[in-house]
Amino acid sequence: MMITTKGRNALKVMIDLAQHEGEGYVSLSDVAERQKESLKYLEYSAAQLTQAGLIISARGKAGGYKLARPAQSYTAAEILQSGEGSLAPVSCLEEGSAPCENAGTCKTLPLFRELDEVIMNFLTSKKLTDLIK
């Protein structure tokens, strides 16, 4: 598993919104400027985060984005999954994947199951508020 720009940008948007929580809607261009990222890349991330229900958007002069719930309720896992999709270390462990015909005899599967569990336990233990400290 490698976290791509999609996942990293999802985290950057969420961290910035958490840092400005309580200020109402935040302009994505302000986020892009503070994070030194392309507005176009962050627009894609914001769309994914909105679709996942993690942020709320509003149009207009006072529009922008804000967290859909309190910052402490988000985990790094759910934020990364909104950008990355699956975080499974191998495709046969991805949710909805076809059962592997070699699963019964695969010597590597237990290793990757354990790795998947370690990754998910770690990422779900990290809250968005941990990332803004």
Protein backbone atom coordinates (compact mmCIF):
# COMPACT_ATOMS: atom_id res chain seq x y z
CA MET A 1 0.00 0.00 0.00
CA MET A 2 1.27 3.43 -0.91
CA ILE A 3 -0.63 6.58 0.00
CA THR A 4 -0.96 8.70 -3.14
CA THR A 5 -1.43 12.42 -3.62
CA LYS A 6 -5.20 11.84 -3.40
CA GLY A 7 -4.93 10.56 0.15
CA ARG A 8 -2.37 13.15 1.22
CA ASN A 9 -4.47 15.99 -0.18
CA ALA A 10 -7.59 14.67 1.55
CA LEU A 11 -5.66 14.82 4.84
CA LYS A 12 -4.38 18.34 4.06
CA VAL A 13 -7.89 19.64 3.36
CA MET A 14 -9.30 18.05 6.50
CA ILE A 15 -6.43 19.30 8.69
CA ASP A 16 -6.84 22.84 7.38
CA LEU A 17 -10.61 22.78 7.90
CA ALA A 18 -10.12 21.43 11.42
CA GLN A 19 -7.65 24.22 12.18
CA HIS A 20 -10.33 26.71 11.12
CA GLU A 21 -13.25 24.87 12.68
CA GLY A 22 -15.77 27.29 14.11
CA GLU A 23 -14.99 29.99 11.55
CA GLY A 24 -17.82 28.97 9.22
CA TYR A 25 -17.19 28.00 5.64
CA VAL A 26 -13.58 28.15 4.45
CA SER A 27 -12.61 29.04 0.89
CA LEU A 28 -10.74 26.26 -0.89
CA SER A 29 -8.47 28.86 -2.46
CA ASP A 30 -7.43 29.88 1.08
CA VAL A 31 -6.77 26.24 1.91
CA ALA A 32 -4.69 25.85 -1.27
CA GLU A 33 -2.66 28.94 -0.43
CA ARG A 34 -1.99 27.86 3.16
CA GLN A 35 -1.17 24.28 2.16
CA LYS A 36 0.90 25.35 -0.86
CA GLU A 37 -1.08 23.00 -3.12
CA SER A 38 -2.75 23.35 -6.48
CA LEU A 39 -6.35 24.53 -6.19
CA LYS A 40 -7.31 22.07 -8.93
CA TYR A 41 -5.94 19.10 -6.94
CA LEU A 42 -7.68 20.25 -3.79
CA GLU A 43 -10.96 20.70 -5.68
CA TYR A 44 -10.82 17.02 -6.57
CA SER A 45 -10.08 16.10 -2.95
CA ALA A 46 -12.87 18.34 -1.68
CA ALA A 47 -15.32 16.68 -4.08
CA GLN A 48 -14.30 13.23 -2.79
CA LEU A 49 -14.60 14.37 0.83
CA THR A 50 -18.02 15.90 0.15
CA GLN A 51 -19.21 12.74 -1.58
CA ALA A 52 -18.03 10.70 1.41
CA GLY A 53 -20.01 13.00 3.73
CA LEU A 54 -16.92 14.18 5.60
CA ILE A 55 -17.28 17.85 4.65
CA ILE A 56 -20.11 20.17 3.68
CA SER A 57 -19.96 22.70 0.88
CA ALA A 58 -21.86 25.92 0.33
CA ARG A 59 -21.91 28.19 -2.69
CA GLY A 60 -21.96 31.95 -2.76
CA LYS A 61 -20.03 34.84 -1.31
CA ALA A 62 -19.74 33.30 2.17
CA GLY A 63 -19.46 29.78 0.78
CA GLY A 64 -16.70 27.25 0.94
CA TYR A 65 -16.20 24.08 2.94
CA LYS A 66 -16.46 23.02 6.55
CA LEU A 67 -16.32 19.81 8.53
CA ALA A 68 -19.56 17.85 8.64
CA ARG A 69 -18.95 16.86 12.29
CA PRO A 70 -16.57 17.72 15.13
CA ALA A 71 -12.87 17.24 14.29
CA GLN A 72 -12.31 14.71 17.10
CA SER A 73 -14.80 12.30 15.50
CA TYR A 74 -12.76 11.75 12.31
CA THR A 75 -10.10 9.06 11.94
CA ALA A 76 -7.13 9.15 9.60
CA ALA A 77 -8.44 5.88 8.13
CA GLU A 78 -11.76 7.29 6.95
CA ILE A 79 -10.12 10.41 5.55
CA LEU A 80 -7.52 8.41 3.61
CA GLN A 81 -10.18 5.99 2.37
CA SER A 82 -12.19 8.88 0.94
CA GLY A 83 -9.23 9.72 -1.30
CA GLU A 84 -7.63 6.34 -1.81
CA GLY A 85 -10.52 3.92 -1.71
CA SER A 86 -9.11 0.72 -0.29
CA LEU A 87 -6.13 0.76 2.03
CA ALA A 88 -5.63 -3.01 1.77
CA PRO A 89 -2.00 -4.02 1.21
CA VAL A 90 -2.99 -6.58 -1.48
CA SER A 91 -5.92 -6.69 -3.88
CA CYS A 92 -7.34 -9.96 -2.56
CA LEU A 93 -8.10 -8.23 0.76
CA GLU A 94 -9.98 -5.33 -0.82
CA GLU A 95 -13.62 -5.12 0.14
CA GLY A 96 -15.80 -6.52 -2.63
CA SER A 97 -12.96 -8.30 -4.41
CA ALA A 98 -13.62 -11.70 -5.89
CA PRO A 99 -12.57 -14.57 -3.64
CA CYS A 100 -9.06 -15.73 -4.44
CA GLU A 101 -8.95 -19.31 -5.68
CA ASN A 102 -5.60 -19.76 -3.91
CA ALA A 103 -6.73 -18.37 -0.52
CA GLY A 104 -6.84 -21.83 1.07
CA THR A 105 -3.22 -22.63 0.21
CA CYS A 106 -1.67 -19.15 0.02
CA LYS A 107 1.28 -18.91 2.39
CA THR A 108 1.42 -15.11 2.20
CA LEU A 109 -2.25 -14.38 2.93
CA PRO A 110 -1.93 -14.61 6.75
CA LEU A 111 0.93 -12.10 6.64
CA PHE A 112 -1.07 -9.64 4.56
CA ARG A 113 -4.20 -10.09 6.70
CA GLU A 114 -2.15 -9.25 9.77
CA LEU A 115 -0.55 -6.28 8.03
CA ASP A 116 -3.98 -5.03 6.97
CA GLU A 117 -5.18 -5.28 10.57
CA VAL A 118 -2.12 -3.40 11.88
CA ILE A 119 -2.55 -0.65 9.28
CA MET A 120 -6.26 -0.21 10.01
CA ASN A 121 -5.78 -0.30 13.78
CA PHE A 122 -3.09 2.36 13.53
CA LEU A 123 -5.03 4.63 11.17
CA THR A 124 -8.28 4.33 13.12
CA SER A 125 -6.44 5.17 16.34
CA LYS A 126 -5.32 8.53 14.90
CA LYS A 127 -7.96 11.24 15.13
CA LEU A 128 -8.01 14.39 13.03
CA THR A 129 -7.36 16.36 16.22
CA ASP A 130 -4.12 14.35 16.69
CA LEU A 131 -2.93 15.61 13.32
CA ILE A 132 -3.43 19.30 14.11
CA LYS A 133 -1.42 19.30 17.33
